[in-house]
C-alpha atoms as a PDB file:
ATOM      1  CA  UNK A   1      76.701-180.566 -30.101  1.00  0.00           C
ATOM      2  CA  UNK A   2      74.289-177.577 -29.872  1.00  0.00           C
ATOM      3  CA  UNK A   3      74.059-175.477 -26.789  1.00  0.00           C
ATOM      4  CA  UNK A   4      70.677-175.780 -24.862  1.00  0.00           C
ATOM      5  CA  UNK A   5      69.188-172.108 -24.301  1.00  0.00           C
ATOM      6  CA  UNK A   6      68.290-171.275 -20.741  1.00  0.00           C
ATOM      7  CA  UNK A   7      64.706-171.359 -21.595  1.00  0.00           C
ATOM      8  CA  UNK A   8      65.001-174.888 -21.677  1.00  0.00           C
ATOM      9  CA  UNK A   9      66.717-175.520 -18.389  1.00  0.00           C
ATOM     10  CA  UNK A  10      65.043-175.674 -14.968  1.00  0.00           C
ATOM     11  CA  UNK A  11      66.378-172.825 -12.945  1.00  0.00           C
ATOM     12  CA  UNK A  12      66.403-174.935  -9.483  1.00  0.00           C
ATOM     13  CA  UNK A  13      67.621-178.348 -10.392  1.00  0.00           C
ATOM     14  CA  UNK A  14      69.668-177.495 -13.809  1.00  0.00           C
ATOM     15  CA  UNK A  15      67.577-180.540 -15.492  1.00  0.00           C
ATOM     16  CA  UNK A  16      65.660-179.831 -18.790  1.00  0.00           C
ATOM     17  CA  UNK A  17      62.286-178.462 -18.419  1.00  0.00           C
ATOM     18  CA  UNK A  18      58.806-179.545 -19.406  1.00  0.00           C
ATOM     19  CA  UNK A  19      59.282-177.055 -22.305  1.00  0.00           C
ATOM     20  CA  UNK A  20      62.205-178.871 -23.678  1.00  0.00           C
ATOM     21  CA  UNK A  21      60.477-182.165 -23.139  1.00  0.00           C
ATOM     22  CA  UNK A  22      57.563-180.969 -25.397  1.00  0.00           C
ATOM     23  CA  UNK A  23      60.189-179.996 -28.106  1.00  0.00           C
ATOM     24  CA  UNK A  24      62.212-183.308 -28.046  1.00  0.00           C
ATOM     25  CA  UNK A  25      59.957-185.835 -27.289  1.00  0.00           C
ATOM     26  CA  UNK A  26      58.220-186.109 -30.690  1.00  0.00           C
ATOM     27  CA  UNK A  27      61.501-186.336 -32.557  1.00  0.00           C
ATOM     28  CA  UNK A  28      62.606-189.424 -30.120  1.00  0.00           C
ATOM     29  CA  UNK A  29      59.308-191.170 -30.645  1.00  0.00           C
ATOM     30  CA  UNK A  30      59.950-190.807 -34.582  1.00  0.00           C
ATOM     31  CA  UNK A  31      63.483-191.882 -34.011  1.00  0.00           C
ATOM     32  CA  UNK A  32      62.181-194.891 -32.153  1.00  0.00           C
ATOM     33  CA  UNK A  33      59.746-195.823 -35.006  1.00  0.00           C
ATOM     34  CA  UNK A  34      62.130-195.502 -37.620  1.00  0.00           C
ATOM     35  CA  UNK A  35      64.725-197.525 -35.923  1.00  0.00           C
ATOM     36  CA  UNK A  36      62.085-199.966 -34.709  1.00  0.00           C
ATOM     37  CA  UNK A  37      63.846-199.737 -31.292  1.00  0.00           C
ATOM     38  CA  UNK A  38      61.713-199.368 -28.067  1.00  0.00           C
ATOM     39  CA  UNK A  39      61.378-195.906 -26.080  1.00  0.00           C
ATOM     40  CA  UNK A  40      60.278-195.648 -22.389  1.00  0.00           C
ATOM     41  CA  UNK A  41      59.169-192.939 -20.173  1.00  0.00           C
ATOM     42  CA  UNK A  42      59.784-193.035 -16.338  1.00  0.00           C
ATOM     43  CA  UNK A  43      57.425-190.742 -14.413  1.00  0.00           C
ATOM     44  CA  UNK A  44      58.591-190.212 -11.009  1.00  0.00           C
ATOM     45  CA  UNK A  45      57.054-188.513  -8.231  1.00  0.00           C
ATOM     46  CA  UNK A  46      58.371-188.110  -4.683  1.00  0.00           C
ATOM     47  CA  UNK A  47      56.040-189.227  -1.924  1.00  0.00           C
ATOM     48  CA  UNK A  48      54.788-186.915   0.463  1.00  0.00           C
ATOM     49  CA  UNK A  49      56.912-184.042  -0.665  1.00  0.00           C
ATOM     50  CA  UNK A  50      54.738-181.509   1.034  1.00  0.00           C
ATOM     51  CA  UNK A  51      55.466-183.079   4.441  1.00  0.00           C
ATOM     52  CA  UNK A  52      59.140-181.999   3.770  1.00  0.00           C
ATOM     53  CA  UNK A  53      58.353-178.565   3.002  1.00  0.00           C
ATOM     54  CA  UNK A  54      55.642-178.446   6.040  1.00  0.00           C
ATOM     55  CA  UNK A  55      58.222-179.739   8.230  1.00  0.00           C
ATOM     56  CA  UNK A  56      61.622-178.560   7.183  1.00  0.00           C
ATOM     57  CA  UNK A  57      60.845-175.529   5.231  1.00  0.00           C
ATOM     58  CA  UNK A  58      60.952-174.687   1.592  1.00  0.00           C
ATOM     59  CA  UNK A  59      64.685-174.159   1.647  1.00  0.00           C
ATOM     60  CA  UNK A  60      65.498-177.507   2.654  1.00  0.00           C
ATOM     61  CA  UNK A  61      62.564-178.844   0.236  1.00  0.00           C
ATOM     62  CA  UNK A  62      64.702-177.095  -2.635  1.00  0.00           C
ATOM     63  CA  UNK A  63      67.899-178.791  -1.571  1.00  0.00           C
ATOM     64  CA  UNK A  64      66.157-181.830  -1.503  1.00  0.00           C
ATOM     65  CA  UNK A  65      65.002-181.381  -5.152  1.00  0.00           C
ATOM     66  CA  UNK A  66      68.408-180.296  -6.132  1.00  0.00           C
ATOM     67  CA  UNK A  67      70.387-183.207  -4.747  1.00  0.00           C
ATOM     68  CA  UNK A  68      67.514-185.617  -6.171  1.00  0.00           C
ATOM     69  CA  UNK A  69      67.996-184.073  -9.540  1.00  0.00           C
ATOM     70  CA  UNK A  70      71.620-184.932  -9.109  1.00  0.00           C
ATOM     71  CA  UNK A  71      70.870-188.526  -8.280  1.00  0.00           C
ATOM     72  CA  UNK A  72      68.720-189.020 -11.105  1.00  0.00           C
ATOM     73  CA  UNK A  73      71.168-187.365 -13.522  1.00  0.00           C
ATOM     74  CA  UNK A  74      73.849-189.724 -12.546  1.00  0.00           C
ATOM     75  CA  UNK A  75      71.898-192.763 -12.513  1.00  0.00           C
ATOM     76  CA  UNK A  76      70.949-192.778 -16.116  1.00  0.00           C
ATOM     77  CA  UNK A  77      73.056-193.437 -19.137  1.00  0.00           C
ATOM     78  CA  UNK A  78      74.566-190.807 -21.392  1.00  0.00           C
ATOM     79  CA  UNK A  79      71.944-190.897 -24.055  1.00  0.00           C
ATOM     80  CA  UNK A  80      69.122-190.669 -21.650  1.00  0.00           C
ATOM     81  CA  UNK A  81      67.400-187.428 -20.843  1.00  0.00           C
ATOM     82  CA  UNK A  82      66.073-186.454 -17.420  1.00  0.00           C
ATOM     83  CA  UNK A  83      63.456-183.536 -17.000  1.00  0.00           C
ATOM     84  CA  UNK A  84      61.861-181.803 -14.135  1.00  0.00           C
ATOM     85  CA  UNK A  85      58.160-182.014 -15.201  1.00  0.00           C
ATOM     86  CA  UNK A  86      57.158-179.722 -12.320  1.00  0.00           C
ATOM     87  CA  UNK A  87      57.071-179.360  -8.686  1.00  0.00           C
ATOM     88  CA  UNK A  88      58.397-182.911  -7.241  1.00  0.00           C
ATOM     89  CA  UNK A  89      57.758-184.662 -10.480  1.00  0.00           C
ATOM     90  CA  UNK A  90      60.287-185.691 -12.869  1.00  0.00           C
ATOM     91  CA  UNK A  91      60.413-187.738 -16.113  1.00  0.00           C
ATOM     92  CA  UNK A  92      63.179-189.863 -17.318  1.00  0.00           C
ATOM     93  CA  UNK A  93      63.086-190.425 -21.431  1.00  0.00           C
ATOM     94  CA  UNK A  94      65.037-193.780 -21.915  1.00  0.00           C
ATOM     95  CA  UNK A  95      66.042-194.517 -25.747  1.00  0.00           C
ATOM     96  CA  UNK A  96      66.437-197.972 -26.874  1.00  0.00           C
ATOM     97  CA  UNK A  97      64.726-199.322 -23.725  1.00  0.00           C
ATOM     98  CA  UNK A  98      61.814-201.756 -23.206  1.00  0.00           C
ATOM     99  CA  UNK A  99      59.335-201.987 -20.572  1.00  0.00           C
ATOM    100  CA  UNK A 100      61.225-204.622 -18.443  1.00  0.00           C
ATOM    101  CA  UNK A 101      64.544-202.585 -18.736  1.00  0.00           C
ATOM    102  CA  UNK A 102      62.747-199.561 -17.519  1.00  0.00           C
ATOM    103  CA  UNK A 103      61.205-201.354 -14.822  1.00  0.00           C
ATOM    104  CA  UNK A 104      64.509-202.642 -13.570  1.00  0.00           C
ATOM    105  CA  UNK A 105      65.911-199.137 -13.667  1.00  0.00           C
ATOM    106  CA  UNK A 106      63.163-197.455 -11.809  1.00  0.00           C
ATOM    107  CA  UNK A 107      63.312-200.191  -9.139  1.00  0.00           C
ATOM    108  CA  UNK A 108      66.790-199.344  -8.623  1.00  0.00           C
ATOM    109  CA  UNK A 109      65.694-195.569  -8.296  1.00  0.00           C
ATOM    110  CA  UNK A 110      63.333-196.751  -5.672  1.00  0.00           C
ATOM    111  CA  UNK A 111      65.750-199.055  -3.793  1.00  0.00           C
ATOM    112  CA  UNK A 112      68.455-196.493  -3.615  1.00  0.00           C
ATOM    113  CA  UNK A 113      66.113-193.438  -2.428  1.00  0.00           C
ATOM    114  CA  UNK A 114      65.187-195.369   0.646  1.00  0.00           C
ATOM    115  CA  UNK A 115      68.771-195.892   1.624  1.00  0.00           C
ATOM    116  CA  UNK A 116      70.454-192.695   0.347  1.00  0.00           C
ATOM    117  CA  UNK A 117      70.108-189.219   2.128  1.00  0.00           C
ATOM    118  CA  UNK A 118      68.902-186.026   0.344  1.00  0.00           C
ATOM    119  CA  UNK A 119      69.892-183.355   2.797  1.00  0.00           C
ATOM    120  CA  UNK A 120      69.678-185.875   5.440  1.00  0.00           C
ATOM    121  CA  UNK A 121      66.315-187.026   4.543  1.00  0.00           C
ATOM    122  CA  UNK A 122      65.395-190.575   3.000  1.00  0.00           C
ATOM    123  CA  UNK A 123      62.890-190.643   0.183  1.00  0.00           C
ATOM    124  CA  UNK A 124      60.304-192.965  -1.494  1.00  0.00           C
ATOM    125  CA  UNK A 125      59.142-192.821  -4.797  1.00  0.00           C
ATOM    126  CA  UNK A 126      56.119-193.499  -6.840  1.00  0.00           C
ATOM    127  CA  UNK A 127      56.600-194.556 -10.535  1.00  0.00           C
ATOM    128  CA  UNK A 128      54.868-194.788 -13.492  1.00  0.00           C
ATOM    129  CA  UNK A 129      56.380-196.225 -16.818  1.00  0.00           C
ATOM    130  CA  UNK A 130      55.031-196.304 -20.324  1.00  0.00           C
ATOM    131  CA  UNK A 131      56.892-197.843 -23.366  1.00  0.00           C
ATOM    132  CA  UNK A 132      56.650-197.101 -27.243  1.00  0.00           C
ATOM    133  CA  UNK A 133      55.247-198.858 -29.362  1.00  0.00           C
ATOM    134  CA  UNK A 134      53.587-201.031 -26.766  1.00  0.00           C
ATOM    135  CA  UNK A 135      51.557-198.276 -24.810  1.00  0.00           C
ATOM    136  CA  UNK A 136      51.276-195.923 -28.031  1.00  0.00           C
ATOM    137  CA  UNK A 137      53.069-194.299 -30.991  1.00  0.00           C
ATOM    138  CA  UNK A 138      52.211-190.616 -30.004  1.00  0.00           C
ATOM    139  CA  UNK A 139      52.972-188.610 -26.904  1.00  0.00           C
ATOM    140  CA  UNK A 140      49.507-187.926 -25.522  1.00  0.00           C
ATOM    141  CA  UNK A 141      48.779-191.834 -25.560  1.00  0.00           C
ATOM    142  CA  UNK A 142      52.218-192.525 -24.120  1.00  0.00           C
ATOM    143  CA  UNK A 143      52.208-189.779 -21.300  1.00  0.00           C
ATOM    144  CA  UNK A 144      48.597-191.043 -20.369  1.00  0.00           C
ATOM    145  CA  UNK A 145      49.774-194.587 -19.967  1.00  0.00           C
ATOM    146  CA  UNK A 146      52.680-193.374 -17.694  1.00  0.00           C
ATOM    147  CA  UNK A 147      50.551-191.145 -15.768  1.00  0.00           C
ATOM    148  CA  UNK A 148      47.894-193.770 -14.994  1.00  0.00           C
ATOM    149  CA  UNK A 149      50.627-196.161 -13.720  1.00  0.00           C
ATOM    150  CA  UNK A 150      51.842-193.349 -11.648  1.00  0.00           C
ATOM    151  CA  UNK A 151      48.499-192.890 -10.061  1.00  0.00           C
ATOM    152  CA  UNK A 152      48.084-196.713  -9.583  1.00  0.00           C
ATOM    153  CA  UNK A 153      51.487-196.404  -7.666  1.00  0.00           C
ATOM    154  CA  UNK A 154      49.970-193.749  -5.376  1.00  0.00           C
ATOM    155  CA  UNK A 155      46.647-195.314  -4.840  1.00  0.00           C
ATOM    156  CA  UNK A 156      48.301-198.677  -3.739  1.00  0.00           C
ATOM    157  CA  UNK A 157      50.603-197.527  -1.115  1.00  0.00           C
ATOM    158  CA  UNK A 158      53.210-195.175  -2.767  1.00  0.00           C
ATOM    159  CA  UNK A 159      56.755-196.502  -2.727  1.00  0.00           C
ATOM    160  CA  UNK A 160      56.387-198.673  -5.937  1.00  0.00           C
ATOM    161  CA  UNK A 161      56.165-199.180  -9.707  1.00  0.00           C
ATOM    162  CA  UNK A 162      52.388-198.518 -10.530  1.00  0.00           C
ATOM    163  CA  UNK A 163      50.577-200.843 -12.982  1.00  0.00           C
ATOM    164  CA  UNK A 164      46.967-199.932 -14.064  1.00  0.00           C
ATOM    165  CA  UNK A 165      45.161-202.738 -15.876  1.00  0.00           C
ATOM    166  CA  UNK A 166      41.812-202.717 -17.709  1.00  0.00           C
ATOM    167  CA  UNK A 167      40.356-205.921 -17.548  1.00  0.00           C
ATOM    168  CA  UNK A 168      36.834-206.317 -18.570  1.00  0.00           C
ATOM    169  CA  UNK A 169      34.487-204.006 -16.440  1.00  0.00           C
ATOM    170  CA  UNK A 170      36.143-201.252 -14.715  1.00  0.00           C
ATOM    171  CA  UNK A 171      36.740-201.541 -10.849  1.00  0.00           C
ATOM    172  CA  UNK A 172      37.055-198.326  -8.952  1.00  0.00           C
ATOM    173  CA  UNK A 173      39.456-198.322  -6.246  1.00  0.00           C
ATOM    174  CA  UNK A 174      39.222-197.556  -3.453  1.00  0.00           C
ATOM    175  CA  UNK A 175      35.672-199.098  -3.367  1.00  0.00           C
ATOM    176  CA  UNK A 176      33.037-197.217  -1.224  1.00  0.00           C
ATOM    177  CA  UNK A 177      32.555-200.318   0.675  1.00  0.00           C
ATOM    178  CA  UNK A 178      35.568-202.519   2.051  1.00  0.00           C
ATOM    179  CA  UNK A 179      35.506-206.046   0.365  1.00  0.00           C
ATOM    180  CA  UNK A 180      36.364-209.495   1.448  1.00  0.00           C
ATOM    181  CA  UNK A 181      37.578-208.475   5.079  1.00  0.00           C
ATOM    182  CA  UNK A 182      34.799-209.645   7.291  1.00  0.00           C
ATOM    183  CA  UNK A 183      36.888-212.241   9.233  1.00  0.00           C
ATOM    184  CA  UNK A 184      39.771-209.607   9.865  1.00  0.00           C
ATOM    185  CA  UNK A 185      37.062-207.008  10.830  1.00  0.00           C
ATOM    186  CA  UNK A 186      35.581-209.439  13.271  1.00  0.00           C
ATOM    187  CA  UNK A 187      38.964-210.448  14.776  1.00  0.00           C
ATOM    188  CA  UNK A 188      40.067-206.902  15.410  1.00  0.00           C
ATOM    189  CA  UNK A 189      36.773-206.009  16.935  1.00  0.00           C
ATOM    190  CA  UNK A 190      37.270-209.048  19.443  1.00  0.00           C
ATOM    191  CA  UNK A 191      40.418-207.560  20.490  1.00  0.00           C
ATOM    192  CA  UNK A 192      39.204-203.955  20.913  1.00  0.00           C
ATOM    193  CA  UNK A 193      36.003-205.015  22.648  1.00  0.00           C
ATOM    194  CA  UNK A 194      37.890-205.494  26.165  1.00  0.00           C
ATOM    195  CA  UNK A 195      39.793-202.240  25.366  1.00  0.00           C
ATOM    196  CA  UNK A 196      36.565-200.212  24.755  1.00  0.00           C
ATOM    197  CA  UNK A 197      35.271-201.825  27.979  1.00  0.00           C
ATOM    198  CA  UNK A 198      38.132-200.101  30.069  1.00  0.00           C
ATOM    199  CA  UNK A 199      40.915-202.995  30.065  1.00  0.00           C
ATOM    200  CA  UNK A 200      43.461-200.874  27.964  1.00  0.00           C
ATOM    201  CA  UNK A 201      45.492-202.510  25.462  1.00  0.00           C
ATOM    202  CA  UNK A 202      47.326-202.609  21.835  1.00  0.00           C
ATOM    203  CA  UNK A 203      46.348-203.950  18.532  1.00  0.00           C
ATOM    204  CA  UNK A 204      49.062-204.266  16.115  1.00  0.00           C
ATOM    205  CA  UNK A 205      47.834-204.831  12.167  1.00  0.00           C
ATOM    206  CA  UNK A 206      50.744-205.670  10.010  1.00  0.00           C
ATOM    207  CA  UNK A 207      51.186-206.834   6.465  1.00  0.00           C
ATOM    208  CA  UNK A 208      52.558-205.796   2.946  1.00  0.00           C
ATOM    209  CA  UNK A 209      52.548-202.453   1.644  1.00  0.00           C
ATOM    210  CA  UNK A 210      49.355-201.620  -0.075  1.00  0.00           C
ATOM    211  CA  UNK A 211      47.144-204.284   1.433  1.00  0.00           C
ATOM    212  CA  UNK A 212      44.859-201.699   3.010  1.00  0.00           C
ATOM    213  CA  UNK A 213      45.841-201.895   6.789  1.00  0.00           C
ATOM    214  CA  UNK A 214      44.953-198.471   7.520  1.00  0.00           C
ATOM    215  CA  UNK A 215      41.539-198.645   5.591  1.00  0.00           C
ATOM    216  CA  UNK A 216      40.906-201.833   7.623  1.00  0.00           C
ATOM    217  CA  UNK A 217      41.020-200.024  10.889  1.00  0.00           C
ATOM    218  CA  UNK A 218      38.953-197.087   9.906  1.00  0.00           C
ATOM    219  CA  UNK A 219      36.420-199.489   8.867  1.00  0.00           C
ATOM    220  CA  UNK A 220      36.289-201.100  12.242  1.00  0.00           C
ATOM    221  CA  UNK A 221      36.169-197.760  13.793  1.00  0.00           C
ATOM    222  CA  UNK A 222      33.076-196.828  11.736  1.00  0.00           C
ATOM    223  CA  UNK A 223      30.980-199.292  13.634  1.00  0.00           C
ATOM    224  CA  UNK A 224      28.450-197.711  15.581  1.00  0.00           C
ATOM    225  CA  UNK A 225      29.866-198.942  19.281  1.00  0.00           C
ATOM    226  CA  UNK A 226      32.897-196.761  18.374  1.00  0.00           C
ATOM    227  CA  UNK A 227      31.057-193.494  17.817  1.00  0.00           C
ATOM    228  CA  UNK A 228      31.966-192.119  21.208  1.00  0.00           C
ATOM    229  CA  UNK A 229      35.588-192.877  21.065  1.00  0.00           C
ATOM    230  CA  UNK A 230      37.777-189.948  20.581  1.00  0.00           C
ATOM    231  CA  UNK A 231      40.599-190.804  18.035  1.00  0.00           C
ATOM    232  CA  UNK A 232      44.020-189.358  17.457  1.00  0.00           C
ATOM    233  CA  UNK A 233      45.851-190.534  14.736  1.00  0.00           C
ATOM    234  CA  UNK A 234      49.517-189.933  13.174  1.00  0.00           C
ATOM    235  CA  UNK A 235      50.665-191.195   9.788  1.00  0.00           C
ATOM    236  CA  UNK A 236      54.462-191.734   9.619  1.00  0.00           C
ATOM    237  CA  UNK A 237      56.549-191.894   6.478  1.00  0.00           C
ATOM    238  CA  UNK A 238      60.405-191.849   5.345  1.00  0.00           C
ATOM    239  CA  UNK A 239      60.294-187.944   5.648  1.00  0.00           C
ATOM    240  CA  UNK A 240      59.302-187.961   9.325  1.00  0.00           C
ATOM    241  CA  UNK A 241      61.528-190.844  10.498  1.00  0.00           C
ATOM    242  CA  UNK A 242      64.354-188.302  11.329  1.00  0.00           C
ATOM    243  CA  UNK A 243      61.906-186.180  13.477  1.00  0.00           C
ATOM    244  CA  UNK A 244      62.201-186.887  17.173  1.00  0.00           C
ATOM    245  CA  UNK A 245      58.642-188.349  18.617  1.00  0.00           C
ATOM    246  CA  UNK A 246      56.910-187.192  15.496  1.00  0.00           C
ATOM    247  CA  UNK A 247      53.834-189.206  16.257  1.00  0.00           C
ATOM    248  CA  UNK A 248      53.467-187.729  19.626  1.00  0.00           C
ATOM    249  CA  UNK A 249      54.198-184.204  18.417  1.00  0.00           C
ATOM    250  CA  UNK A 250      51.080-184.703  16.173  1.00  0.00           C
ATOM    251  CA  UNK A 251      48.925-186.155  18.953  1.00  0.00           C
ATOM    252  CA  UNK A 252      49.970-182.862  21.040  1.00  0.00           C
ATOM    253  CA  UNK A 253      48.993-180.755  18.241  1.00  0.00           C
ATOM    254  CA  UNK A 254      45.550-182.595  17.888  1.00  0.00           C
ATOM    255  CA  UNK A 255      45.030-182.156  21.734  1.00  0.00           C
ATOM    256  CA  UNK A 256      46.165-178.477  21.450  1.00  0.00           C
ATOM    257  CA  UNK A 257      43.794-177.767  18.657  1.00  0.00           C
ATOM    258  CA  UNK A 258      40.958-179.555  20.451  1.00  0.00           C
ATOM    259  CA  UNK A 259      41.126-178.183  23.707  1.00  0.00           C
ATOM    260  CA  UNK A 260      43.781-175.356  23.783  1.00  0.00           C
ATOM    261  CA  UNK A 261      46.429-175.219  26.629  1.00  0.00           C
ATOM    262  CA  UNK A 262      44.166-175.942  29.307  1.00  0.00           C
ATOM    263  CA  UNK A 263      44.812-179.856  28.984  1.00  0.00           C
ATOM    264  CA  UNK A 264      48.563-179.112  29.273  1.00  0.00           C
ATOM    265  CA  UNK A 265      48.489-176.372  32.175  1.00  0.00           C
ATOM    266  CA  UNK A 266      46.780-178.897  34.441  1.00  0.00           C
ATOM    267  CA  UNK A 267      50.159-180.683  34.457  1.00  0.00           C
ATOM    268  CA  UNK A 268      53.124-179.960  36.901  1.00  0.00           C
ATOM    269  CA  UNK A 269      55.291-177.356  35.276  1.00  0.00           C
ATOM    270  CA  UNK A 270      58.287-179.571  35.182  1.00  0.00           C
ATOM    271  CA  UNK A 271      56.393-181.935  32.926  1.00  0.00           C
ATOM    272  CA  UNK A 272      54.953-178.921  31.014  1.00  0.00           C
ATOM    273  CA  UNK A 273      58.532-177.906  30.011  1.00  0.00           C
ATOM    274  CA  UNK A 274      59.281-181.170  28.361  1.00  0.00           C
ATOM    275  CA  UNK A 275      56.224-181.089  26.178  1.00  0.00           C
ATOM    276  CA  UNK A 276      57.359-177.695  25.176  1.00  0.00           C
ATOM    277  CA  UNK A 277      60.573-179.108  24.109  1.00  0.00           C
ATOM    278  CA  UNK A 278      59.099-181.170  21.387  1.00  0.00           C
ATOM    279  CA  UNK A 279      56.276-178.862  20.721  1.00  0.00           C
ATOM    280  CA  UNK A 280      57.366-175.133  21.013  1.00  0.00           C
ATOM    281  CA  UNK A 281      53.810-173.877  20.277  1.00  0.00           C
ATOM    282  CA  UNK A 282      52.595-175.129  23.546  1.00  0.00           C
ATOM    283  CA  UNK A 283      54.744-172.584  25.455  1.00  0.00           C
ATOM    284  CA  UNK A 284      53.706-169.139  26.844  1.00  0.00           C
ATOM    285  CA  UNK A 285      55.623-166.688  28.554  1.00  0.00           C
ATOM    286  CA  UNK A 286      55.165-167.965  32.177  1.00  0.00           C
ATOM    287  CA  UNK A 287      57.102-171.304  30.989  1.00  0.00           C
ATOM    288  CA  UNK A 288      59.913-169.693  29.092  1.00  0.00           C
ATOM    289  CA  UNK A 289      62.023-170.974  26.475  1.00  0.00           C
ATOM    290  CA  UNK A 290      64.019-173.983  26.591  1.00  0.00           C
ATOM    291  CA  UNK A 291      66.521-175.792  24.110  1.00  0.00           C
ATOM    292  CA  UNK A 292      64.860-179.107  22.548  1.00  0.00           C
ATOM    293  CA  UNK A 293      68.083-180.981  22.621  1.00  0.00           C
ATOM    294  CA  UNK A 294      68.084-180.956  26.599  1.00  0.00           C
ATOM    295  CA  UNK A 295      65.386-183.433  26.962  1.00  0.00           C
ATOM    296  CA  UNK A 296      64.574-185.365  30.441  1.00  0.00           C
ATOM    297  CA  UNK A 297      63.033-188.670  29.001  1.00  0.00           C
ATOM    298  CA  UNK A 298      61.410-189.501  32.225  1.00  0.00           C
ATOM    299  CA  UNK A 299      59.611-186.226  32.801  1.00  0.00           C
ATOM    300  CA  UNK A 300      58.644-186.274  28.906  1.00  0.00           C
ATOM    301  CA  UNK A 301      57.292-189.764  29.332  1.00  0.00           C
ATOM    302  CA  UNK A 302      55.428-189.232  32.412  1.00  0.00           C
ATOM    303  CA  UNK A 303      54.150-185.844  31.250  1.00  0.00           C
ATOM    304  CA  UNK A 304      52.249-187.523  28.422  1.00  0.00           C
ATOM    305  CA  UNK A 305      51.095-190.240  30.288  1.00  0.00           C
ATOM    306  CA  UNK A 306      49.513-187.854  32.518  1.00  0.00           C
ATOM    307  CA  UNK A 307      48.072-185.976  29.609  1.00  0.00           C
ATOM    308  CA  UNK A 308      46.611-189.018  28.457  1.00  0.00           C
ATOM    309  CA  UNK A 309      45.555-190.292  31.844  1.00  0.00           C
ATOM    310  CA  UNK A 310      43.504-186.864  31.927  1.00  0.00           C
ATOM    311  CA  UNK A 311      41.861-187.253  28.430  1.00  0.00           C
ATOM    312  CA  UNK A 312      40.627-190.843  29.636  1.00  0.00           C
ATOM    313  CA  UNK A 313      38.403-188.910  32.238  1.00  0.00           C
ATOM    314  CA  UNK A 314      36.207-187.699  29.284  1.00  0.00           C
ATOM    315  CA  UNK A 315      35.770-191.495  28.083  1.00  0.00           C
ATOM    316  CA  UNK A 316      37.737-193.871  25.737  1.00  0.00           C
ATOM    317  CA  UNK A 317      40.684-192.688  23.716  1.00  0.00           C
ATOM    318  CA  UNK A 318      42.268-194.566  20.671  1.00  0.00           C
ATOM    319  CA  UNK A 319      45.809-193.659  19.503  1.00  0.00           C
ATOM    320  CA  UNK A 320      46.552-194.636  15.872  1.00  0.00           C
ATOM    321  CA  UNK A 321      49.931-194.753  14.550  1.00  0.00           C
ATOM    322  CA  UNK A 322      50.078-195.433  10.832  1.00  0.00           C
ATOM    323  CA  UNK A 323      53.372-196.859   9.408  1.00  0.00           C
ATOM    324  CA  UNK A 324      54.964-197.396  12.748  1.00  0.00           C
ATOM    325  CA  UNK A 325      58.004-198.918  11.239  1.00  0.00           C
ATOM    326  CA  UNK A 326      59.091-195.141  10.254  1.00  0.00           C
ATOM    327  CA  UNK A 327      59.055-194.147  13.836  1.00  0.00           C
ATOM    328  CA  UNK A 328      62.159-193.106  15.620  1.00  0.00           C
ATOM    329  CA  UNK A 329      63.556-194.867  18.495  1.00  0.00           C
ATOM    330  CA  UNK A 330      62.481-192.369  21.294  1.00  0.00           C
ATOM    331  CA  UNK A 331      58.860-192.685  19.798  1.00  0.00           C
ATOM    332  CA  UNK A 332      59.107-196.556  20.223  1.00  0.00           C
ATOM    333  CA  UNK A 333      60.650-196.254  23.839  1.00  0.00           C
ATOM    334  CA  UNK A 334      57.766-193.782  24.582  1.00  0.00           C
ATOM    335  CA  UNK A 335      55.061-195.992  23.170  1.00  0.00           C
ATOM    336  CA  UNK A 336      56.385-199.000  25.201  1.00  0.00           C
ATOM    337  CA  UNK A 337      56.423-196.877  28.299  1.00  0.00           C
ATOM    338  CA  UNK A 338      52.781-195.864  27.686  1.00  0.00           C
ATOM    339  CA  UNK A 339      51.687-199.440  27.163  1.00  0.00           C
ATOM    340  CA  UNK A 340      53.235-200.645  30.416  1.00  0.00           C
ATOM    341  CA  UNK A 341      51.875-197.554  32.355  1.00  0.00           C
ATOM    342  CA  UNK A 342      48.359-197.136  31.026  1.00  0.00           C
ATOM    343  CA  UNK A 343      47.117-200.727  31.148  1.00  0.00           C
ATOM    344  CA  UNK A 344      43.900-199.939  32.710  1.00  0.00           C
END
């Protein structure tokens, strides 16, 4: 077997690089046509990888990519080839593999990535598949089909295999106006009206991945009666599940960006100290530095309750936690505490 030159190896992951993909793919397509055996391409994107770099740092991000590359390489057959296409995108070239078999392999990648830890971080994947000759007999056409399917996976909630279909006229997703959700919008409005009037409360919207729960809530909040409502939101994911109190860190950052430290300095210093432990940028020299693992949960919970109560003096406030299933236990305990203590 001929030795592969260093110019064809990705320096970070030790996988084949995009340059080598361009060199080999056309030969593999020709072989597929001569033998009349299918060839499939699996185009993989790690969901929300930017969050890993932003939260854990680029060094950790590099380790995740290395470990994910090892996982992919060990998960395919001997004759399959794995390439780092660029950034957090990878391509698996699967000879003698039709679409159905490629979909089974891809689903295994997705399922195992949800439970396996890469540098203590679980991943979700978006995948686009294309097979020759069904999707094309030349590389540009095959790649375009895989890319469209990958884009479909991202647009429909990620963590899935995407399928882009063309049936008659083209439907642009997402549409400018939400369609077919009138009853759901009205029902959510019924729940929110007394909350808006000052009663306090919680609304939970649940459903399968990709059905449009987030968009539904934002559509409701576009109504004129909600224009005066202040809104703090946090989107959770597999990459944030191991970060203690992540949604409330995001809420504190939003308050800090909007009002500066004045909203925090009104609190007793004991509560300020606990808030600083989960969000160090709240600190100043007068408070000092404290180790983040020495939390007093009651003071933290009460500090956030008092902070929110002070925010309510300026009018209604809505907090939104998107994909709450990825919240850590501490965040769920804190949310339960707030629901019980901020009923009014």
